[in-house]
Amino acid sequence: MTSAQTARPGVASRQFDKSRRLRRRAEFQTVFDTGQRVRGRFFTILVAARNETTTRLGIVASRKLGDAVRRNRAKRLIREIFRQNPRHHGLKDVDVVVIPRVEMFSAPYRSLEEDFRSVLTRAIGRLRLS
């Protein structure tokens, strides 16, 4: 049991489960090689089909974003948007890789959500057409 679960029994953990994350280099490389890439104002999103029933998220936050504090903030924001975004709940068979852009730090959260939804929808549309 995680410390979050022991501290508040009966409350679901907000932790982003490992089964919903891309974790290995080979998994990321598969998405980069076979996925559809769509660039938005604040994110670039790659989407690749897979044979499993869960949607997994990977985030590539390079040093171009800034120091570790900024990179970690970008990753936290992206995970939260992914969790809160109802559009991804219909996805059952894709891997999603998000590459944040520096411009995201000066944008309000609402704009980030809208851009994420828009780019993800376009990427999935391209994936379904190919």
N, C-alpha and C. Protein backbone atom coordinates (compact mmCIF):
# COMPACT_ATOMS: atom_id res chain seq x y z
N MET A 1 0.83 -1.18 0.00
CA MET A 1 0.00 0.00 0.00
C MET A 1 0.87 1.24 0.00
N THR A 2 0.47 2.25 -0.75
CA THR A 2 1.24 3.49 -0.77
C THR A 2 0.90 4.33 0.45
N SER A 3 1.74 5.28 0.74
CA SER A 3 1.50 6.14 1.90
C SER A 3 0.23 6.96 1.73
N ALA A 4 -0.11 7.30 0.47
CA ALA A 4 -1.34 8.06 0.23
C ALA A 4 -2.57 7.22 0.60
N GLN A 5 -2.51 5.92 0.35
CA GLN A 5 -3.64 5.07 0.66
C GLN A 5 -3.74 4.80 2.15
N THR A 6 -2.62 4.68 2.83
CA THR A 6 -2.67 4.43 4.26
C THR A 6 -3.08 5.68 5.02
N ALA A 7 -2.74 6.85 4.50
CA ALA A 7 -3.09 8.09 5.17
C ALA A 7 -4.58 8.39 5.09
N ARG A 8 -5.20 7.99 4.00
CA ARG A 8 -6.62 8.27 3.81
C ARG A 8 -7.33 7.02 3.30
N PRO A 9 -7.66 6.09 4.18
CA PRO A 9 -8.34 4.88 3.73
C PRO A 9 -9.70 5.22 3.11
N GLY A 10 -10.04 4.51 2.07
CA GLY A 10 -11.32 4.73 1.42
C GLY A 10 -11.28 5.81 0.34
N VAL A 11 -10.16 6.53 0.24
CA VAL A 11 -10.01 7.57 -0.78
C VAL A 11 -9.10 7.02 -1.87
N ALA A 12 -9.54 7.15 -3.11
CA ALA A 12 -8.75 6.65 -4.23
C ALA A 12 -7.46 7.44 -4.36
N SER A 13 -6.39 6.76 -4.69
CA SER A 13 -5.10 7.40 -4.86
C SER A 13 -5.12 8.23 -6.14
N ARG A 14 -4.49 9.40 -6.08
CA ARG A 14 -4.39 10.25 -7.25
C ARG A 14 -3.11 9.96 -8.02
N GLN A 15 -2.37 8.96 -7.56
CA GLN A 15 -1.12 8.60 -8.21
C GLN A 15 -1.40 8.09 -9.62
N PHE A 16 -0.52 8.43 -10.54
CA PHE A 16 -0.65 7.99 -11.92
C PHE A 16 -0.06 6.59 -12.00
N ASP A 17 -0.90 5.59 -12.07
CA ASP A 17 -0.52 4.18 -12.00
C ASP A 17 0.52 3.81 -13.06
N LYS A 18 1.45 2.94 -12.70
CA LYS A 18 2.51 2.53 -13.62
C LYS A 18 1.98 1.85 -14.88
N SER A 19 0.84 1.19 -14.77
CA SER A 19 0.28 0.52 -15.95
C SER A 19 -0.23 1.52 -16.98
N ARG A 20 -0.37 2.78 -16.60
CA ARG A 20 -0.87 3.81 -17.51
C ARG A 20 0.25 4.72 -18.02
N ARG A 21 1.51 4.33 -17.77
CA ARG A 21 2.65 5.13 -18.18
C ARG A 21 3.54 4.37 -19.15
N LEU A 22 4.15 5.10 -20.07
CA LEU A 22 5.23 4.55 -20.87
C LEU A 22 6.48 4.70 -20.02
N ARG A 23 7.25 3.62 -19.88
CA ARG A 23 8.38 3.68 -18.95
C ARG A 23 9.71 3.31 -19.58
N ARG A 24 9.70 2.50 -20.61
CA ARG A 24 10.95 2.03 -21.19
C ARG A 24 11.26 2.74 -22.50
N ARG A 25 12.54 2.85 -22.77
CA ARG A 25 12.99 3.50 -23.99
C ARG A 25 12.36 2.86 -25.23
N ALA A 26 12.27 1.55 -25.26
CA ALA A 26 11.71 0.85 -26.42
C ALA A 26 10.24 1.23 -26.64
N GLU A 27 9.50 1.43 -25.56
CA GLU A 27 8.09 1.83 -25.70
C GLU A 27 7.98 3.22 -26.31
N PHE A 28 8.83 4.14 -25.83
CA PHE A 28 8.84 5.48 -26.41
C PHE A 28 9.26 5.42 -27.88
N GLN A 29 10.28 4.63 -28.16
CA GLN A 29 10.80 4.55 -29.53
C GLN A 29 9.75 4.01 -30.50
N THR A 30 8.95 3.06 -30.06
CA THR A 30 7.87 2.53 -30.89
C THR A 30 6.88 3.62 -31.26
N VAL A 31 6.53 4.47 -30.30
CA VAL A 31 5.60 5.57 -30.57
C VAL A 31 6.24 6.56 -31.53
N PHE A 32 7.52 6.90 -31.33
CA PHE A 32 8.19 7.83 -32.22
C PHE A 32 8.30 7.28 -33.64
N ASP A 33 8.50 5.98 -33.78
CA ASP A 33 8.68 5.36 -35.09
C ASP A 33 7.36 5.15 -35.83
N THR A 34 6.30 4.78 -35.12
CA THR A 34 5.06 4.39 -35.78
C THR A 34 3.90 5.35 -35.57
N GLY A 35 4.05 6.30 -34.68
CA GLY A 35 2.93 7.16 -34.31
C GLY A 35 2.69 8.33 -35.23
N GLN A 36 1.52 8.92 -35.06
CA GLN A 36 1.15 10.13 -35.77
C GLN A 36 1.53 11.32 -34.90
N ARG A 37 2.21 12.31 -35.49
CA ARG A 37 2.69 13.47 -34.75
C ARG A 37 1.89 14.70 -35.15
N VAL A 38 1.39 15.41 -34.12
CA VAL A 38 0.64 16.65 -34.35
C VAL A 38 1.20 17.71 -33.41
N ARG A 39 1.49 18.87 -33.96
CA ARG A 39 2.06 19.96 -33.17
C ARG A 39 0.98 20.98 -32.85
N GLY A 40 0.94 21.37 -31.61
CA GLY A 40 0.03 22.41 -31.16
C GLY A 40 0.80 23.62 -30.68
N ARG A 41 0.10 24.54 -30.07
CA ARG A 41 0.73 25.76 -29.58
C ARG A 41 1.64 25.49 -28.38
N PHE A 42 1.22 24.59 -27.49
CA PHE A 42 1.97 24.33 -26.27
C PHE A 42 2.54 22.92 -26.18
N PHE A 43 2.10 22.01 -27.04
CA PHE A 43 2.51 20.61 -26.98
C PHE A 43 2.70 20.05 -28.38
N THR A 44 3.53 19.05 -28.47
CA THR A 44 3.54 18.15 -29.63
C THR A 44 3.10 16.81 -29.09
N ILE A 45 2.14 16.19 -29.75
CA ILE A 45 1.61 14.92 -29.28
C ILE A 45 1.80 13.86 -30.36
N LEU A 46 2.28 12.71 -29.94
CA LEU A 46 2.41 11.55 -30.81
C LEU A 46 1.48 10.48 -30.29
N VAL A 47 0.76 9.84 -31.21
CA VAL A 47 -0.19 8.79 -30.83
C VAL A 47 0.09 7.57 -31.70
N ALA A 48 0.20 6.41 -31.07
CA ALA A 48 0.43 5.15 -31.79
C ALA A 48 -0.56 4.10 -31.30
N ALA A 49 -1.06 3.31 -32.22
CA ALA A 49 -1.99 2.24 -31.88
C ALA A 49 -1.23 1.11 -31.20
N ARG A 50 -1.95 0.39 -30.34
CA ARG A 50 -1.38 -0.77 -29.68
C ARG A 50 -2.46 -1.83 -29.50
N ASN A 51 -2.07 -3.02 -29.10
CA ASN A 51 -3.01 -4.13 -28.99
C ASN A 51 -3.55 -4.35 -27.59
N GLU A 52 -3.25 -3.48 -26.67
CA GLU A 52 -3.72 -3.61 -25.28
C GLU A 52 -5.00 -2.80 -25.10
N THR A 53 -5.60 -2.92 -23.94
CA THR A 53 -6.87 -2.24 -23.70
C THR A 53 -6.74 -0.96 -22.89
N THR A 54 -5.53 -0.56 -22.53
CA THR A 54 -5.37 0.67 -21.76
C THR A 54 -4.63 1.71 -22.57
N THR A 55 -4.89 2.95 -22.25
CA THR A 55 -4.17 4.07 -22.85
C THR A 55 -3.02 4.42 -21.93
N ARG A 56 -1.84 4.56 -22.51
CA ARG A 56 -0.67 4.90 -21.71
C ARG A 56 -0.14 6.27 -22.13
N LEU A 57 0.42 6.98 -21.17
CA LEU A 57 0.96 8.31 -21.40
C LEU A 57 2.46 8.32 -21.14
N GLY A 58 3.19 8.97 -22.01
CA GLY A 58 4.61 9.21 -21.81
C GLY A 58 4.88 10.69 -22.03
N ILE A 59 5.82 11.23 -21.29
CA ILE A 59 6.15 12.65 -21.40
C ILE A 59 7.64 12.77 -21.62
N VAL A 60 8.02 13.56 -22.63
CA VAL A 60 9.42 13.81 -22.92
C VAL A 60 9.68 15.28 -22.63
N ALA A 61 10.27 15.57 -21.48
CA ALA A 61 10.57 16.94 -21.07
C ALA A 61 12.08 17.12 -21.10
N SER A 62 12.58 17.70 -22.18
CA SER A 62 14.02 17.85 -22.34
C SER A 62 14.54 19.07 -21.58
N ARG A 63 15.83 19.20 -21.52
CA ARG A 63 16.44 20.33 -20.81
C ARG A 63 16.16 21.66 -21.49
N LYS A 64 15.67 21.63 -22.71
CA LYS A 64 15.30 22.87 -23.39
C LYS A 64 14.20 23.61 -22.64
N LEU A 65 13.42 22.88 -21.86
CA LEU A 65 12.34 23.50 -21.07
C LEU A 65 12.87 24.33 -19.92
N GLY A 66 14.03 23.96 -19.42
CA GLY A 66 14.59 24.68 -18.28
C GLY A 66 15.15 23.71 -17.26
N ASP A 67 15.27 24.20 -16.03
CA ASP A 67 15.83 23.38 -14.97
C ASP A 67 14.85 22.30 -14.53
N ALA A 68 15.26 21.49 -13.58
CA ALA A 68 14.46 20.34 -13.14
C ALA A 68 13.11 20.77 -12.58
N VAL A 69 13.07 21.91 -11.92
CA VAL A 69 11.81 22.39 -11.36
C VAL A 69 10.80 22.65 -12.47
N ARG A 70 11.23 23.30 -13.53
CA ARG A 70 10.32 23.60 -14.65
C ARG A 70 9.92 22.32 -15.39
N ARG A 71 10.87 21.41 -15.59
CA ARG A 71 10.54 20.16 -16.28
C ARG A 71 9.52 19.35 -15.47
N ASN A 72 9.72 19.27 -14.16
CA ASN A 72 8.79 18.53 -13.32
C ASN A 72 7.42 19.19 -13.28
N ARG A 73 7.38 20.51 -13.27
CA ARG A 73 6.09 21.22 -13.31
C ARG A 73 5.36 20.92 -14.61
N ALA A 74 6.09 20.92 -15.72
CA ALA A 74 5.48 20.61 -17.01
C ALA A 74 4.88 19.20 -16.98
N LYS A 75 5.62 18.25 -16.43
CA LYS A 75 5.13 16.87 -16.38
C LYS A 75 3.89 16.75 -15.48
N ARG A 76 3.91 17.44 -14.35
CA ARG A 76 2.73 17.41 -13.46
C ARG A 76 1.51 18.00 -14.15
N LEU A 77 1.68 19.12 -14.84
CA LEU A 77 0.56 19.74 -15.55
C LEU A 77 0.01 18.81 -16.62
N ILE A 78 0.89 18.19 -17.38
CA ILE A 78 0.45 17.30 -18.46
C ILE A 78 -0.28 16.09 -17.89
N ARG A 79 0.24 15.49 -16.82
CA ARG A 79 -0.45 14.34 -16.22
C ARG A 79 -1.83 14.74 -15.72
N GLU A 80 -1.94 15.91 -15.11
CA GLU A 80 -3.23 16.35 -14.59
C GLU A 80 -4.22 16.62 -15.73
N ILE A 81 -3.76 17.25 -16.79
CA ILE A 81 -4.63 17.48 -17.94
C ILE A 81 -5.08 16.14 -18.52
N PHE A 82 -4.17 15.19 -18.62
CA PHE A 82 -4.51 13.87 -19.15
C PHE A 82 -5.54 13.17 -18.27
N ARG A 83 -5.36 13.27 -16.95
CA ARG A 83 -6.32 12.66 -16.01
C ARG A 83 -7.70 13.30 -16.13
N GLN A 84 -7.73 14.62 -16.24
CA GLN A 84 -8.99 15.36 -16.24
C GLN A 84 -9.67 15.39 -17.60
N ASN A 85 -8.97 15.02 -18.64
CA ASN A 85 -9.50 15.13 -19.99
C ASN A 85 -10.44 13.96 -20.30
N PRO A 86 -11.72 14.22 -20.45
CA PRO A 86 -12.66 13.12 -20.71
C PRO A 86 -12.50 12.49 -22.08
N ARG A 87 -11.85 13.17 -23.02
CA ARG A 87 -11.71 12.61 -24.37
C ARG A 87 -10.84 11.36 -24.38
N HIS A 88 -9.86 11.28 -23.49
CA HIS A 88 -8.99 10.11 -23.54
C HIS A 88 -9.64 8.88 -22.93
N HIS A 89 -10.75 9.03 -22.22
CA HIS A 89 -11.40 7.87 -21.62
C HIS A 89 -11.95 6.92 -22.68
N GLY A 90 -12.28 7.44 -23.85
CA GLY A 90 -12.76 6.60 -24.94
C GLY A 90 -11.63 5.86 -25.64
N LEU A 91 -10.41 6.25 -25.38
CA LEU A 91 -9.26 5.61 -26.00
C LEU A 91 -8.92 4.35 -25.22
N LYS A 92 -8.84 3.26 -25.89
CA LYS A 92 -8.54 2.01 -25.21
C LYS A 92 -7.31 1.32 -25.78
N ASP A 93 -6.79 1.81 -26.86
CA ASP A 93 -5.75 1.05 -27.55
C ASP A 93 -4.65 1.93 -28.13
N VAL A 94 -4.26 2.98 -27.42
CA VAL A 94 -3.22 3.86 -27.93
C VAL A 94 -2.19 4.20 -26.86
N ASP A 95 -1.01 4.54 -27.34
CA ASP A 95 0.03 5.13 -26.51
C ASP A 95 0.14 6.59 -26.92
N VAL A 96 0.24 7.48 -25.94
CA VAL A 96 0.32 8.91 -26.19
C VAL A 96 1.63 9.42 -25.60
N VAL A 97 2.42 10.12 -26.42
CA VAL A 97 3.63 10.77 -25.95
C VAL A 97 3.44 12.27 -26.13
N VAL A 98 3.69 13.02 -25.06
CA VAL A 98 3.54 14.47 -25.09
C VAL A 98 4.90 15.11 -24.92
N ILE A 99 5.20 16.06 -25.81
CA ILE A 99 6.43 16.83 -25.71
C ILE A 99 6.02 18.28 -25.44
N PRO A 100 6.25 18.76 -24.22
CA PRO A 100 5.85 20.13 -23.89
C PRO A 100 6.79 21.15 -24.53
N ARG A 101 6.23 22.35 -24.76
CA ARG A 101 7.02 23.45 -25.31
C ARG A 101 7.15 24.54 -24.23
N VAL A 102 8.18 25.34 -24.32
CA VAL A 102 8.47 26.38 -23.33
C VAL A 102 7.29 27.34 -23.17
N GLU A 103 6.54 27.58 -24.21
CA GLU A 103 5.41 28.52 -24.17
C GLU A 103 4.34 28.12 -23.16
N MET A 104 4.32 26.88 -22.76
CA MET A 104 3.28 26.43 -21.83
C MET A 104 3.37 27.10 -20.46
N PHE A 105 4.56 27.54 -20.09
CA PHE A 105 4.74 28.14 -18.76
C PHE A 105 4.09 29.51 -18.63
N SER A 106 3.86 30.19 -19.74
CA SER A 106 3.25 31.51 -19.68
C SER A 106 1.75 31.47 -20.00
N ALA A 107 1.21 30.29 -20.18
CA ALA A 107 -0.20 30.16 -20.56
C ALA A 107 -1.06 29.80 -19.36
N PRO A 108 -2.31 30.27 -19.36
CA PRO A 108 -3.23 29.84 -18.30
C PRO A 108 -3.61 28.37 -18.48
N TYR A 109 -3.99 27.75 -17.38
CA TYR A 109 -4.31 26.31 -17.39
C TYR A 109 -5.40 25.99 -18.40
N ARG A 110 -6.42 26.84 -18.50
CA ARG A 110 -7.53 26.61 -19.42
C ARG A 110 -7.04 26.52 -20.87
N SER A 111 -6.08 27.37 -21.24
CA SER A 111 -5.52 27.33 -22.59
C SER A 111 -4.75 26.03 -22.83
N LEU A 112 -4.05 25.59 -21.80
CA LEU A 112 -3.32 24.32 -21.92
C LEU A 112 -4.28 23.16 -22.16
N GLU A 113 -5.38 23.14 -21.40
CA GLU A 113 -6.38 22.09 -21.57
C GLU A 113 -6.97 22.10 -22.98
N GLU A 114 -7.33 23.28 -23.46
CA GLU A 114 -7.93 23.39 -24.79
C GLU A 114 -6.97 22.94 -25.87
N ASP A 115 -5.71 23.37 -25.77
CA ASP A 115 -4.71 22.97 -26.76
C ASP A 115 -4.48 21.47 -26.71
N PHE A 116 -4.41 20.91 -25.51
CA PHE A 116 -4.21 19.46 -25.36
C PHE A 116 -5.34 18.70 -26.03
N ARG A 117 -6.58 19.08 -25.72
CA ARG A 117 -7.74 18.40 -26.31
C ARG A 117 -7.72 18.50 -27.83
N SER A 118 -7.44 19.69 -28.33
CA SER A 118 -7.43 19.90 -29.77
C SER A 118 -6.36 19.06 -30.46
N VAL A 119 -5.17 19.09 -29.93
CA VAL A 119 -4.06 18.35 -30.56
C VAL A 119 -4.29 16.85 -30.45
N LEU A 120 -4.76 16.39 -29.30
CA LEU A 120 -5.02 14.96 -29.13
C LEU A 120 -6.11 14.48 -30.08
N THR A 121 -7.16 15.27 -30.23
CA THR A 121 -8.24 14.90 -31.16
C THR A 121 -7.73 14.81 -32.60
N ARG A 122 -6.92 15.78 -33.01
CA ARG A 122 -6.38 15.75 -34.37
C ARG A 122 -5.45 14.55 -34.57
N ALA A 123 -4.63 14.24 -33.57
CA ALA A 123 -3.71 13.11 -33.67
C ALA A 123 -4.46 11.79 -33.78
N ILE A 124 -5.51 11.65 -33.00
CA ILE A 124 -6.28 10.41 -33.06
C ILE A 124 -7.03 10.30 -34.37
N GLY A 125 -7.52 11.42 -34.87
CA GLY A 125 -8.16 11.42 -36.19
C GLY A 125 -7.20 10.96 -37.28
N ARG A 126 -5.99 11.44 -37.23
CA ARG A 126 -4.98 11.01 -38.22
C ARG A 126 -4.65 9.53 -38.05
N LEU A 127 -4.60 9.08 -36.81
CA LEU A 127 -4.28 7.69 -36.55
C LEU A 127 -5.38 6.78 -37.10
N ARG A 128 -6.61 7.15 -36.88
CA ARG A 128 -7.75 6.34 -37.35
C ARG A 128 -7.84 6.32 -38.87
N LEU A 129 -7.42 7.42 -39.53
CA LEU A 129 -7.47 7.47 -40.99
C LEU A 129 -6.38 6.65 -41.64
N SER A 130 -5.25 6.48 -40.96
CA SER A 130 -4.13 5.75 -41.59
C SER A 130 -4.23 4.26 -41.37
